[in-house]
N, C-alpha and C. Protein backbone atom coordinates (compact mmCIF):
# COMPACT_ATOMS: atom_id res chain seq x y z
N UNK A 1 0.85 -1.17 0.00
CA UNK A 1 0.00 0.00 0.00
C UNK A 1 0.90 1.23 0.00
N UNK A 2 0.63 2.17 -0.90
CA UNK A 2 1.45 3.36 -0.99
C UNK A 2 1.17 4.31 0.17
N UNK A 3 2.05 5.28 0.32
CA UNK A 3 1.91 6.25 1.40
C UNK A 3 0.63 7.07 1.23
N UNK A 4 0.31 7.43 0.01
CA UNK A 4 -0.91 8.21 -0.24
C UNK A 4 -2.15 7.40 0.16
N UNK A 5 -2.17 6.12 -0.16
CA UNK A 5 -3.30 5.28 0.24
C UNK A 5 -3.42 5.18 1.75
N UNK A 6 -2.29 5.08 2.45
CA UNK A 6 -2.31 5.01 3.91
C UNK A 6 -2.86 6.30 4.51
N UNK A 7 -2.56 7.42 3.89
CA UNK A 7 -3.07 8.70 4.39
C UNK A 7 -4.55 8.85 4.08
N UNK A 8 -4.98 8.42 2.90
CA UNK A 8 -6.37 8.60 2.49
C UNK A 8 -7.32 7.58 3.09
N UNK A 9 -6.82 6.42 3.47
CA UNK A 9 -7.69 5.34 3.95
C UNK A 9 -8.59 5.74 5.13
N UNK A 10 -8.06 6.39 6.19
CA UNK A 10 -8.95 6.79 7.29
C UNK A 10 -10.05 7.76 6.85
N UNK A 11 -9.71 8.67 5.93
CA UNK A 11 -10.71 9.62 5.44
C UNK A 11 -11.80 8.93 4.62
N UNK A 12 -11.41 7.92 3.87
CA UNK A 12 -12.39 7.15 3.10
C UNK A 12 -13.32 6.40 4.05
N UNK A 13 -12.75 5.82 5.10
CA UNK A 13 -13.58 5.10 6.08
C UNK A 13 -14.57 6.02 6.77
N UNK A 14 -14.10 7.17 7.24
CA UNK A 14 -14.98 8.12 7.91
C UNK A 14 -16.01 8.66 6.93
N UNK A 15 -15.58 8.96 5.72
CA UNK A 15 -16.50 9.47 4.71
C UNK A 15 -17.59 8.49 4.35
N UNK A 16 -17.30 7.21 4.43
CA UNK A 16 -18.30 6.21 4.10
C UNK A 16 -19.41 6.14 5.15
N UNK A 17 -19.16 6.69 6.33
CA UNK A 17 -20.16 6.67 7.40
C UNK A 17 -21.14 7.84 7.32
N UNK A 18 -20.75 8.89 6.60
CA UNK A 18 -21.61 10.08 6.50
C UNK A 18 -22.92 9.70 5.83
N UNK A 19 -23.99 10.13 6.41
CA UNK A 19 -25.31 9.85 5.87
C UNK A 19 -25.94 8.58 6.41
N UNK A 20 -25.20 7.81 7.18
CA UNK A 20 -25.77 6.61 7.78
C UNK A 20 -26.32 6.94 9.16
N UNK A 21 -27.34 6.24 9.54
CA UNK A 21 -27.95 6.44 10.84
C UNK A 21 -27.10 5.80 11.93
N UNK A 22 -26.91 6.55 13.02
CA UNK A 22 -26.19 6.05 14.19
C UNK A 22 -27.22 5.75 15.26
N UNK A 23 -27.18 4.54 15.81
CA UNK A 23 -28.18 4.15 16.80
C UNK A 23 -27.49 3.78 18.12
N UNK A 24 -28.03 4.33 19.19
CA UNK A 24 -27.58 3.99 20.55
C UNK A 24 -28.66 3.10 21.16
N UNK A 25 -28.25 1.94 21.64
CA UNK A 25 -29.22 0.97 22.16
C UNK A 25 -29.47 1.21 23.65
N UNK A 26 -30.67 0.84 24.07
CA UNK A 26 -30.99 0.82 25.49
C UNK A 26 -30.42 -0.48 26.05
N UNK A 27 -29.53 -0.36 27.00
CA UNK A 27 -28.83 -1.53 27.51
C UNK A 27 -28.78 -1.45 29.03
N UNK A 28 -28.16 -2.42 29.66
CA UNK A 28 -28.04 -2.42 31.12
C UNK A 28 -26.66 -2.94 31.51
N UNK A 29 -26.38 -2.93 32.80
CA UNK A 29 -25.08 -3.37 33.32
C UNK A 29 -25.09 -4.84 33.75
N UNK A 30 -26.14 -5.58 33.45
CA UNK A 30 -26.23 -6.99 33.86
C UNK A 30 -25.06 -7.80 33.30
N UNK A 31 -24.50 -8.67 34.15
CA UNK A 31 -23.34 -9.49 33.79
C UNK A 31 -23.82 -10.66 32.93
N UNK A 32 -24.13 -10.39 31.67
CA UNK A 32 -24.62 -11.39 30.73
C UNK A 32 -23.50 -11.79 29.78
N UNK A 33 -23.78 -12.72 28.89
CA UNK A 33 -22.75 -13.26 27.99
C UNK A 33 -22.13 -12.15 27.13
N UNK A 34 -22.94 -11.19 26.70
CA UNK A 34 -22.42 -10.09 25.88
C UNK A 34 -21.41 -9.26 26.67
N UNK A 35 -21.73 -8.96 27.90
CA UNK A 35 -20.83 -8.15 28.74
C UNK A 35 -19.57 -8.94 29.09
N UNK A 36 -19.72 -10.23 29.33
CA UNK A 36 -18.55 -11.07 29.61
C UNK A 36 -17.62 -11.09 28.40
N UNK A 37 -18.21 -11.17 27.21
CA UNK A 37 -17.41 -11.19 25.98
C UNK A 37 -16.65 -9.87 25.80
N UNK A 38 -17.31 -8.75 26.06
CA UNK A 38 -16.64 -7.45 25.95
C UNK A 38 -15.52 -7.33 26.97
N UNK A 39 -15.79 -7.73 28.20
CA UNK A 39 -14.79 -7.63 29.27
C UNK A 39 -13.56 -8.50 28.97
N UNK A 40 -13.80 -9.76 28.66
CA UNK A 40 -12.68 -10.69 28.47
C UNK A 40 -11.91 -10.44 27.18
N UNK A 41 -12.61 -10.07 26.11
CA UNK A 41 -11.88 -9.80 24.86
C UNK A 41 -11.05 -8.52 25.01
N UNK A 42 -11.55 -7.54 25.75
CA UNK A 42 -10.77 -6.32 25.98
C UNK A 42 -9.58 -6.58 26.90
N UNK A 43 -9.76 -7.47 27.86
CA UNK A 43 -8.67 -7.89 28.72
C UNK A 43 -7.54 -8.47 27.86
N UNK A 44 -7.89 -9.38 26.97
CA UNK A 44 -6.90 -9.98 26.07
C UNK A 44 -6.35 -8.99 25.06
N UNK A 45 -7.19 -8.06 24.63
CA UNK A 45 -6.75 -7.05 23.65
C UNK A 45 -5.65 -6.17 24.23
N UNK A 46 -5.73 -5.88 25.53
CA UNK A 46 -4.66 -5.09 26.15
C UNK A 46 -3.32 -5.83 26.03
N UNK A 47 -3.32 -7.12 26.35
CA UNK A 47 -2.07 -7.89 26.28
C UNK A 47 -1.58 -8.04 24.84
N UNK A 48 -2.49 -8.25 23.91
CA UNK A 48 -2.10 -8.33 22.50
C UNK A 48 -1.50 -7.01 22.04
N UNK A 49 -2.09 -5.91 22.46
CA UNK A 49 -1.57 -4.58 22.10
C UNK A 49 -0.20 -4.35 22.74
N UNK A 50 -0.04 -4.81 23.97
CA UNK A 50 1.25 -4.65 24.63
C UNK A 50 2.34 -5.43 23.90
N UNK A 51 2.05 -6.66 23.53
CA UNK A 51 3.03 -7.48 22.81
C UNK A 51 3.35 -6.83 21.47
N UNK A 52 2.34 -6.32 20.79
CA UNK A 52 2.56 -5.63 19.51
C UNK A 52 3.44 -4.41 19.70
N UNK A 53 3.16 -3.62 20.73
CA UNK A 53 3.95 -2.42 20.99
C UNK A 53 5.38 -2.78 21.38
N UNK A 54 5.55 -3.83 22.14
CA UNK A 54 6.90 -4.29 22.51
C UNK A 54 7.69 -4.70 21.26
N UNK A 55 7.01 -5.33 20.32
CA UNK A 55 7.69 -5.76 19.10
C UNK A 55 8.03 -4.63 18.17
N UNK A 56 7.19 -3.60 18.14
CA UNK A 56 7.41 -2.49 17.21
C UNK A 56 8.29 -1.39 17.79
N UNK A 57 8.19 -1.16 19.08
CA UNK A 57 8.92 -0.07 19.74
C UNK A 57 9.95 -0.68 20.67
N UNK A 58 11.12 -0.96 20.16
CA UNK A 58 12.10 -1.69 20.95
C UNK A 58 13.03 -0.79 21.76
N UNK A 59 13.02 0.52 21.49
CA UNK A 59 13.91 1.36 22.28
C UNK A 59 13.25 1.72 23.62
N UNK A 60 14.04 2.22 24.54
CA UNK A 60 13.54 2.45 25.90
C UNK A 60 12.81 3.77 26.07
N UNK A 61 12.64 4.54 25.00
CA UNK A 61 11.96 5.83 25.12
C UNK A 61 10.44 5.70 25.09
N UNK A 62 9.94 4.55 24.73
CA UNK A 62 8.49 4.36 24.63
C UNK A 62 7.95 3.74 25.91
N UNK A 63 6.79 4.19 26.31
CA UNK A 63 6.07 3.58 27.41
C UNK A 63 5.04 2.63 26.79
N UNK A 64 5.45 1.41 26.58
CA UNK A 64 4.63 0.47 25.83
C UNK A 64 3.33 0.12 26.54
N UNK A 65 3.31 0.14 27.86
CA UNK A 65 2.07 -0.16 28.56
C UNK A 65 1.04 0.95 28.33
N UNK A 66 1.49 2.20 28.33
CA UNK A 66 0.57 3.30 28.06
C UNK A 66 0.12 3.31 26.61
N UNK A 67 1.04 2.99 25.71
CA UNK A 67 0.69 2.90 24.30
C UNK A 67 -0.31 1.76 24.06
N UNK A 68 -0.12 0.65 24.76
CA UNK A 68 -1.05 -0.47 24.65
C UNK A 68 -2.43 -0.09 25.18
N UNK A 69 -2.47 0.72 26.24
CA UNK A 69 -3.76 1.22 26.74
C UNK A 69 -4.47 2.03 25.66
N UNK A 70 -3.75 2.94 25.03
CA UNK A 70 -4.35 3.78 23.99
C UNK A 70 -4.81 2.97 22.79
N UNK A 71 -3.98 2.02 22.36
CA UNK A 71 -4.34 1.19 21.20
C UNK A 71 -5.58 0.37 21.50
N UNK A 72 -5.59 -0.30 22.64
CA UNK A 72 -6.74 -1.15 22.97
C UNK A 72 -8.00 -0.34 23.22
N UNK A 73 -7.89 0.82 23.87
CA UNK A 73 -9.06 1.69 24.06
C UNK A 73 -9.57 2.20 22.71
N UNK A 74 -8.65 2.54 21.82
CA UNK A 74 -9.05 3.00 20.49
C UNK A 74 -9.77 1.93 19.69
N UNK A 75 -9.29 0.71 19.79
CA UNK A 75 -9.95 -0.40 19.09
C UNK A 75 -11.34 -0.65 19.68
N UNK A 76 -11.44 -0.65 21.01
CA UNK A 76 -12.73 -0.86 21.66
C UNK A 76 -13.74 0.22 21.30
N UNK A 77 -13.31 1.47 21.36
CA UNK A 77 -14.19 2.58 21.00
C UNK A 77 -14.55 2.53 19.53
N UNK A 78 -13.57 2.24 18.69
CA UNK A 78 -13.83 2.14 17.26
C UNK A 78 -14.84 1.06 16.92
N UNK A 79 -14.75 -0.06 17.59
CA UNK A 79 -15.70 -1.15 17.31
C UNK A 79 -17.11 -0.78 17.78
N UNK A 80 -17.21 -0.11 18.92
CA UNK A 80 -18.53 0.31 19.38
C UNK A 80 -19.14 1.34 18.42
N UNK A 81 -18.33 2.25 17.91
CA UNK A 81 -18.82 3.22 16.93
C UNK A 81 -19.25 2.49 15.66
N UNK A 82 -18.46 1.52 15.24
CA UNK A 82 -18.83 0.70 14.08
C UNK A 82 -20.19 0.04 14.30
N UNK A 83 -20.41 -0.51 15.49
CA UNK A 83 -21.69 -1.15 15.80
C UNK A 83 -22.83 -0.14 15.78
N UNK A 84 -22.54 1.10 16.17
CA UNK A 84 -23.57 2.13 16.14
C UNK A 84 -24.04 2.45 14.74
N UNK A 85 -23.11 2.42 13.79
CA UNK A 85 -23.47 2.70 12.40
C UNK A 85 -24.01 1.47 11.68
N UNK A 86 -23.65 0.29 12.14
CA UNK A 86 -24.12 -0.96 11.52
C UNK A 86 -25.08 -1.67 12.48
N UNK A 87 -26.06 -0.92 12.94
CA UNK A 87 -26.98 -1.40 13.97
C UNK A 87 -27.88 -2.52 13.49
N UNK A 88 -28.11 -2.62 12.19
CA UNK A 88 -28.96 -3.71 11.70
C UNK A 88 -28.31 -5.07 11.94
N UNK A 89 -27.00 -5.12 11.87
CA UNK A 89 -26.27 -6.38 12.10
C UNK A 89 -25.86 -6.55 13.56
N UNK A 90 -25.55 -5.42 14.25
CA UNK A 90 -24.93 -5.50 15.58
C UNK A 90 -25.77 -4.91 16.70
N UNK A 91 -26.90 -4.35 16.41
CA UNK A 91 -27.78 -3.81 17.45
C UNK A 91 -27.58 -2.34 17.73
N UNK A 92 -26.37 -1.83 17.61
CA UNK A 92 -26.10 -0.41 17.85
C UNK A 92 -25.02 -0.19 18.89
N UNK A 93 -24.74 1.08 19.12
CA UNK A 93 -23.73 1.50 20.08
C UNK A 93 -24.27 1.31 21.50
N UNK A 94 -23.45 0.75 22.37
CA UNK A 94 -23.86 0.54 23.76
C UNK A 94 -22.80 1.13 24.68
N UNK A 95 -23.19 2.13 25.46
CA UNK A 95 -22.24 2.71 26.42
C UNK A 95 -21.90 1.71 27.52
N UNK A 96 -22.80 0.77 27.77
CA UNK A 96 -22.52 -0.26 28.78
C UNK A 96 -21.47 -1.25 28.27
N UNK A 97 -21.58 -1.62 27.01
CA UNK A 97 -20.55 -2.48 26.41
C UNK A 97 -19.19 -1.78 26.43
N UNK A 98 -19.21 -0.49 26.10
CA UNK A 98 -17.97 0.28 26.13
C UNK A 98 -17.40 0.33 27.55
N UNK A 99 -18.28 0.44 28.53
CA UNK A 99 -17.83 0.42 29.93
C UNK A 99 -17.15 -0.89 30.28
N UNK A 100 -17.70 -2.00 29.83
CA UNK A 100 -17.06 -3.30 30.08
C UNK A 100 -15.76 -3.43 29.30
N UNK A 101 -15.68 -2.81 28.11
CA UNK A 101 -14.42 -2.79 27.38
C UNK A 101 -13.34 -2.08 28.20
N UNK A 102 -13.68 -0.91 28.71
CA UNK A 102 -12.72 -0.13 29.50
C UNK A 102 -12.34 -0.89 30.76
N UNK A 103 -13.30 -1.49 31.42
CA UNK A 103 -13.03 -2.27 32.63
C UNK A 103 -12.08 -3.44 32.35
N UNK A 104 -12.30 -4.14 31.25
CA UNK A 104 -11.42 -5.25 30.88
C UNK A 104 -10.00 -4.78 30.57
N UNK A 105 -9.88 -3.67 29.87
CA UNK A 105 -8.56 -3.13 29.54
C UNK A 105 -7.84 -2.68 30.80
N UNK A 106 -8.54 -1.98 31.68
CA UNK A 106 -7.91 -1.52 32.92
C UNK A 106 -7.54 -2.69 33.83
N UNK A 107 -8.36 -3.73 33.87
CA UNK A 107 -8.03 -4.91 34.66
C UNK A 107 -6.75 -5.56 34.12
N UNK A 108 -6.65 -5.69 32.81
CA UNK A 108 -5.43 -6.24 32.20
C UNK A 108 -4.22 -5.39 32.52
N UNK A 109 -4.37 -4.09 32.45
CA UNK A 109 -3.27 -3.17 32.74
C UNK A 109 -2.82 -3.28 34.20
N UNK A 110 -3.77 -3.32 35.11
CA UNK A 110 -3.44 -3.41 36.55
C UNK A 110 -2.76 -4.74 36.86
N UNK A 111 -3.28 -5.84 36.34
CA UNK A 111 -2.65 -7.14 36.57
C UNK A 111 -1.24 -7.17 35.98
N UNK A 112 -1.08 -6.55 34.82
CA UNK A 112 0.24 -6.48 34.19
C UNK A 112 1.22 -5.70 35.07
N UNK A 113 0.79 -4.55 35.58
CA UNK A 113 1.65 -3.74 36.44
C UNK A 113 2.01 -4.48 37.73
N UNK A 114 1.03 -5.15 38.33
CA UNK A 114 1.28 -5.90 39.57
C UNK A 114 2.26 -7.04 39.30
N UNK A 115 2.09 -7.73 38.18
CA UNK A 115 3.00 -8.84 37.87
C UNK A 115 4.42 -8.34 37.62
N UNK A 116 4.56 -7.18 36.98
CA UNK A 116 5.91 -6.60 36.78
C UNK A 116 6.53 -6.18 38.10
N UNK A 117 5.72 -5.65 39.01
CA UNK A 117 6.22 -5.25 40.33
C UNK A 117 6.69 -6.46 41.12
N UNK A 118 5.89 -7.52 41.10
CA UNK A 118 6.26 -8.75 41.81
C UNK A 118 7.54 -9.33 41.23
N UNK A 119 7.66 -9.28 39.91
CA UNK A 119 8.87 -9.79 39.25
C UNK A 119 10.10 -8.99 39.70
N UNK A 120 9.96 -7.68 39.90
CA UNK A 120 11.07 -6.84 40.33
C UNK A 120 11.52 -7.16 41.75
N UNK A 121 10.56 -7.37 42.64
CA UNK A 121 10.94 -7.59 44.04
C UNK A 121 11.43 -9.01 44.31
N UNK A 122 11.12 -9.94 43.42
CA UNK A 122 11.60 -11.32 43.63
C UNK A 122 12.92 -11.46 43.01
């Protein structure tokens, strides 16, 4: 893919959404299969993002855990926005699903930090 295509691709994606209806669903905080899926997939997404950032940013100037937080939060938010525009297939945007995404990412981040701390003191 050329550099021009890489620059234009996000604008094409956003432009394709103009004129489409965005739907926000009425949802709840009940711990159901959908919420479990959002929580656990976001938990794993944090670790996948961290491994990706570790592989791409090998110098010590990068804070890969913070970068992994941003990448995973961006993916979670992006997918919820996608669901909002493609509500016929996915039901719509859910702030509760997004909340479980954030909770899963933060849980992964906290467990990661605690495990690194324990590794340092042992």
